[in-house]
């Protein structure tokens, strides 16, 4: 029996708030410690919705989710979100400076100023973030700059599970590759497990130890590293997108 998994979904489903359409249906999988999981699928497949379920930004209408073998509904939400951290695709600083935004989650945890400062310096250096950004606000940052700041904030929290939604979509290729190297290092040391939605297959290929393929809210395939056929995945995504365009053309 493998007890190495940290997260488990059992027949999880989610219906739309209006109507009976399924956004996710019969999703079952386990996440092991140190996994690097790429969640792949066409637009509207349910990838972001799945991430949002995992730290209770939304609740499933069917099935059960377990974290460290406990139903996640039994874990206080604040505690859960300190251990399962979501970095959204379009991060916000909520009116704060970069420095205030980075420190905020640790301030809520009542960490010492010295610890906060040490963690901030560590991740600014590791992610190649210039210290002069610290006094900037959201309006003074590009989307790519906000993305890397939001990733730094998530890593400063040292979560057990990091959820990344299109984290490299606005990043320079060099920074994106550097980020992937750091994420791989963290998982290889079993420090955390990472689930990442990313449409950039070349970057995803460097990252993934497993692939979950979603389509129309269903988990169509799960593949571990030796089984992943990236060319087949690319062709499937292209064909699915073409089918959608054909359907729209018939309306």
Protein backbone atom coordinates (compact mmCIF):
# COMPACT_ATOMS: atom_id res chain seq x y z
CA UNK A 1 0.00 0.00 0.00
CA UNK A 2 1.33 3.41 -1.00
CA UNK A 3 0.83 5.98 1.77
CA UNK A 4 3.15 8.49 0.12
CA UNK A 5 0.30 10.53 -1.36
CA UNK A 6 -0.55 13.89 0.17
CA UNK A 7 -3.74 14.70 -1.75
CA UNK A 8 -6.53 12.46 -3.03
CA UNK A 9 -9.70 13.12 -5.01
CA UNK A 10 -12.45 10.49 -5.11
CA UNK A 11 -15.12 10.86 -7.81
CA UNK A 12 -15.21 14.64 -7.48
CA UNK A 13 -17.76 16.56 -9.50
CA UNK A 14 -18.92 20.14 -9.78
CA UNK A 15 -22.10 21.40 -11.41
CA UNK A 16 -22.74 24.92 -12.62
CA UNK A 17 -24.50 27.24 -10.18
CA UNK A 18 -27.19 27.78 -12.81
CA UNK A 19 -28.49 24.67 -14.54
CA UNK A 20 -27.25 21.10 -14.25
CA UNK A 21 -24.24 21.24 -16.55
CA UNK A 22 -21.09 19.62 -15.17
CA UNK A 23 -17.97 21.77 -14.91
CA UNK A 24 -16.06 18.75 -13.56
CA UNK A 25 -17.20 15.15 -13.50
CA UNK A 26 -15.98 11.99 -11.76
CA UNK A 27 -12.43 13.23 -11.10
CA UNK A 28 -10.26 10.76 -9.16
CA UNK A 29 -6.49 10.93 -8.65
CA UNK A 30 -3.74 11.00 -6.04
CA UNK A 31 -0.86 13.45 -5.67
CA UNK A 32 2.35 12.01 -4.21
CA UNK A 33 4.89 14.01 -2.25
CA UNK A 34 7.31 15.59 -4.71
CA UNK A 35 5.00 15.28 -7.72
CA UNK A 36 5.24 17.81 -10.54
CA UNK A 37 1.87 17.52 -12.25
CA UNK A 38 0.99 19.40 -15.43
CA UNK A 39 -2.76 19.83 -15.95
CA UNK A 40 -3.35 20.07 -19.68
CA UNK A 41 -6.48 20.55 -21.76
CA UNK A 42 -8.14 22.92 -24.18
CA UNK A 43 -9.80 26.18 -23.16
CA UNK A 44 -12.83 25.51 -20.97
CA UNK A 45 -11.74 21.99 -20.02
CA UNK A 46 -11.97 22.77 -16.29
CA UNK A 47 -8.28 23.20 -15.44
CA UNK A 48 -8.54 26.40 -13.37
CA UNK A 49 -11.76 25.17 -11.77
CA UNK A 50 -9.93 22.06 -10.59
CA UNK A 51 -7.16 24.13 -9.00
CA UNK A 52 -9.70 26.30 -7.21
CA UNK A 53 -11.34 23.20 -5.71
CA UNK A 54 -8.09 22.06 -4.16
CA UNK A 55 -7.80 24.92 -1.66
CA UNK A 56 -11.55 25.40 -1.22
CA UNK A 57 -12.07 28.57 -3.20
CA UNK A 58 -15.04 26.58 -4.49
CA UNK A 59 -16.62 23.41 -3.11
CA UNK A 60 -17.38 20.18 -5.00
CA UNK A 61 -21.00 19.16 -5.43
CA UNK A 62 -20.02 15.48 -5.56
CA UNK A 63 -17.23 13.28 -4.26
CA UNK A 64 -14.58 13.85 -1.60
CA UNK A 65 -11.15 15.49 -1.37
CA UNK A 66 -8.56 14.41 1.20
CA UNK A 67 -5.43 16.25 2.31
CA UNK A 68 -2.98 14.28 4.44
CA UNK A 69 -5.70 11.60 4.66
CA UNK A 70 -8.21 14.05 6.19
CA UNK A 71 -11.35 15.36 4.44
CA UNK A 72 -10.44 18.92 3.54
CA UNK A 73 -13.76 20.19 4.87
CA UNK A 74 -12.51 19.28 8.36
CA UNK A 75 -9.41 21.46 8.02
CA UNK A 76 -9.90 25.17 8.84
CA UNK A 77 -9.85 27.12 5.58
CA UNK A 78 -7.12 29.53 6.70
CA UNK A 79 -4.89 26.64 7.75
CA UNK A 80 -5.59 24.74 4.52
CA UNK A 81 -4.72 27.75 2.35
CA UNK A 82 -1.41 28.17 4.15
CA UNK A 83 -0.54 24.59 3.20
CA UNK A 84 -2.13 24.48 -0.27
CA UNK A 85 -1.30 27.80 -1.94
CA UNK A 86 -2.84 28.94 -5.23
CA UNK A 87 -1.03 31.44 -7.46
CA UNK A 88 -3.65 32.77 -9.92
CA UNK A 89 -3.03 33.59 -13.56
CA UNK A 90 -3.64 37.32 -13.07
CA UNK A 91 -2.33 38.11 -9.57
CA UNK A 92 -3.23 41.26 -7.66
CA UNK A 93 -1.32 43.23 -5.03
CA UNK A 94 -4.56 44.48 -3.44
CA UNK A 95 -3.38 48.07 -3.17
CA UNK A 96 -0.10 47.13 -1.49
CA UNK A 97 3.49 47.71 -2.48
CA UNK A 98 5.51 44.69 -3.56
CA UNK A 99 7.19 44.54 -0.16
CA UNK A 100 3.87 44.69 1.71
CA UNK A 101 2.32 42.08 -0.59
CA UNK A 102 5.20 39.64 -0.13
CA UNK A 103 5.14 40.03 3.66
CA UNK A 104 1.37 39.98 4.14
CA UNK A 105 0.73 36.18 4.38
CA UNK A 106 3.56 35.77 6.88
CA UNK A 107 2.40 38.77 8.90
CA UNK A 108 -0.99 37.01 9.21
CA UNK A 109 0.87 33.95 10.49
CA UNK A 110 2.54 36.19 13.10
CA UNK A 111 6.05 35.38 11.84
CA UNK A 112 8.84 37.57 13.18
CA UNK A 113 10.02 40.54 11.16
CA UNK A 114 13.47 38.94 10.89
CA UNK A 115 12.04 35.71 9.49
CA UNK A 116 9.92 37.62 7.00
CA UNK A 117 12.91 39.70 5.91
CA UNK A 118 15.12 36.62 5.54
CA UNK A 119 12.55 34.74 3.45
CA UNK A 120 11.92 37.78 1.28
CA UNK A 121 15.62 38.29 0.60
CA UNK A 122 16.07 34.60 -0.19
CA UNK A 123 13.30 34.48 -2.78
CA UNK A 124 14.07 37.85 -4.33
CA UNK A 125 17.59 36.57 -4.95
CA UNK A 126 16.58 33.09 -6.11
CA UNK A 127 13.96 34.41 -8.54
CA UNK A 128 16.19 37.25 -9.78
CA UNK A 129 13.71 39.91 -8.66
CA UNK A 130 15.31 43.38 -8.40
CA UNK A 131 15.16 44.87 -4.91
CA UNK A 132 14.11 48.22 -6.40
CA UNK A 133 10.71 46.67 -7.18
CA UNK A 134 9.89 46.51 -3.46
CA UNK A 135 8.43 50.03 -3.30
CA UNK A 136 6.43 49.69 -6.51
CA UNK A 137 2.67 49.26 -6.59
CA UNK A 138 0.51 47.22 -8.95
CA UNK A 139 0.17 50.02 -11.51
CA UNK A 140 3.96 50.23 -11.80
CA UNK A 141 4.36 46.54 -12.66
CA UNK A 142 3.78 44.57 -15.83
CA UNK A 143 1.73 41.35 -15.77
CA UNK A 144 4.92 39.32 -15.94
CA UNK A 145 6.40 41.22 -13.01
CA UNK A 146 3.22 40.67 -10.97
CA UNK A 147 3.34 36.97 -11.85
CA UNK A 148 6.86 36.44 -10.55
CA UNK A 149 6.10 38.49 -7.42
CA UNK A 150 3.02 36.36 -6.76
CA UNK A 151 5.06 33.18 -7.22
CA UNK A 152 7.66 34.51 -4.77
CA UNK A 153 4.90 35.22 -2.24
CA UNK A 154 3.62 31.65 -2.60
CA UNK A 155 7.09 30.16 -2.18
CA UNK A 156 7.77 32.30 0.90
CA UNK A 157 4.85 30.52 2.57
CA UNK A 158 6.59 27.14 2.12
CA UNK A 159 3.39 25.26 1.27
CA UNK A 160 3.07 21.51 1.08
CA UNK A 161 1.26 21.91 -2.25
CA UNK A 162 1.71 24.79 -4.72
CA UNK A 163 -0.99 25.37 -7.33
CA UNK A 164 0.14 27.43 -10.33
CA UNK A 165 -2.32 28.72 -12.94
CA UNK A 166 -0.49 29.67 -16.14
CA UNK A 167 2.50 31.01 -14.14
CA UNK A 168 4.76 31.60 -17.15
CA UNK A 169 2.24 33.10 -19.60
CA UNK A 170 3.74 36.62 -19.36
CA UNK A 171 7.30 35.75 -18.30
CA UNK A 172 10.44 36.20 -20.36
CA UNK A 173 11.59 32.78 -21.58
CA UNK A 174 14.83 32.96 -19.60
CA UNK A 175 12.97 33.76 -16.36
CA UNK A 176 10.42 31.02 -17.10
CA UNK A 177 13.16 28.42 -17.56
CA UNK A 178 14.91 29.60 -14.39
CA UNK A 179 11.62 29.27 -12.48
CA UNK A 180 11.10 25.72 -13.75
CA UNK A 181 14.59 24.76 -12.56
CA UNK A 182 13.76 26.03 -9.06
CA UNK A 183 10.40 24.23 -8.99
CA UNK A 184 12.08 20.98 -10.02
CA UNK A 185 14.64 21.37 -7.26
CA UNK A 186 11.92 21.88 -4.64
CA UNK A 187 10.02 18.77 -5.70
CA UNK A 188 13.11 16.59 -6.08
CA UNK A 189 13.88 17.33 -2.43
CA UNK A 190 10.26 16.40 -1.57
CA UNK A 191 9.83 19.89 -0.08
CA UNK A 192 6.53 20.33 -1.92
CA UNK A 193 4.24 18.94 -4.59
CA UNK A 194 3.28 21.21 -7.48
CA UNK A 195 0.28 21.18 -9.81
CA UNK A 196 0.59 23.55 -12.75
CA UNK A 197 -1.81 24.56 -15.49
CA UNK A 198 0.21 25.72 -18.48
CA UNK A 199 -0.58 25.95 -22.19
CA UNK A 200 3.11 26.41 -23.13
CA UNK A 201 3.99 22.81 -23.93
CA UNK A 202 7.74 23.32 -24.29
CA UNK A 203 7.95 24.73 -20.77
CA UNK A 204 5.51 22.11 -19.47
CA UNK A 205 7.66 19.38 -21.00
CA UNK A 206 10.64 20.54 -18.92
CA UNK A 207 8.52 20.60 -15.75
CA UNK A 208 6.22 17.61 -15.64
CA UNK A 209 6.80 14.28 -13.93
CA UNK A 210 3.10 13.52 -14.55
CA UNK A 211 0.42 14.82 -16.91
CA UNK A 212 -3.31 15.00 -16.19
CA UNK A 213 -5.29 15.54 -19.41
CA UNK A 214 -8.68 17.19 -18.90
CA UNK A 215 -11.37 17.57 -21.52
CA UNK A 216 -14.92 18.86 -21.02
CA UNK A 217 -14.57 18.50 -17.26
CA UNK A 218 -13.44 14.88 -17.38
CA UNK A 219 -10.02 13.46 -16.58
CA UNK A 220 -9.35 11.71 -19.88
CA UNK A 221 -5.84 10.45 -19.08
CA UNK A 222 -3.15 10.42 -16.41
CA UNK A 223 0.41 9.77 -17.54
CA UNK A 224 3.68 9.40 -15.66
CA UNK A 225 6.94 10.58 -17.21
CA UNK A 226 7.86 7.48 -19.27
CA UNK A 227 4.34 7.34 -20.74
CA UNK A 228 4.05 10.97 -21.84
CA UNK A 229 3.86 11.43 -25.61
CA UNK A 230 4.17 15.19 -26.08
CA UNK A 231 3.58 15.11 -29.83
CA UNK A 232 0.36 13.19 -29.31
CA UNK A 233 -0.76 15.69 -26.65
CA UNK A 234 -0.02 18.60 -28.98
CA UNK A 235 -1.97 17.02 -31.84
CA UNK A 236 -4.91 16.25 -29.54
CA UNK A 237 -5.06 19.86 -28.31
CA UNK A 238 -4.96 21.18 -31.87
CA UNK A 239 -7.72 18.78 -32.97
CA UNK A 240 -9.92 19.63 -29.98
CA UNK A 241 -9.55 23.34 -30.69
CA UNK A 242 -10.39 22.80 -34.34
CA UNK A 243 -13.49 20.82 -33.41
CA UNK A 244 -14.65 23.71 -31.23
CA UNK A 245 -14.10 26.18 -34.05
CA UNK A 246 -16.09 23.92 -36.39
CA UNK A 247 -18.93 23.74 -33.88
CA UNK A 248 -19.01 27.54 -33.57
CA UNK A 249 -19.06 27.80 -37.35
CA UNK A 250 -22.22 25.71 -37.48
CA UNK A 251 -24.12 27.94 -35.05
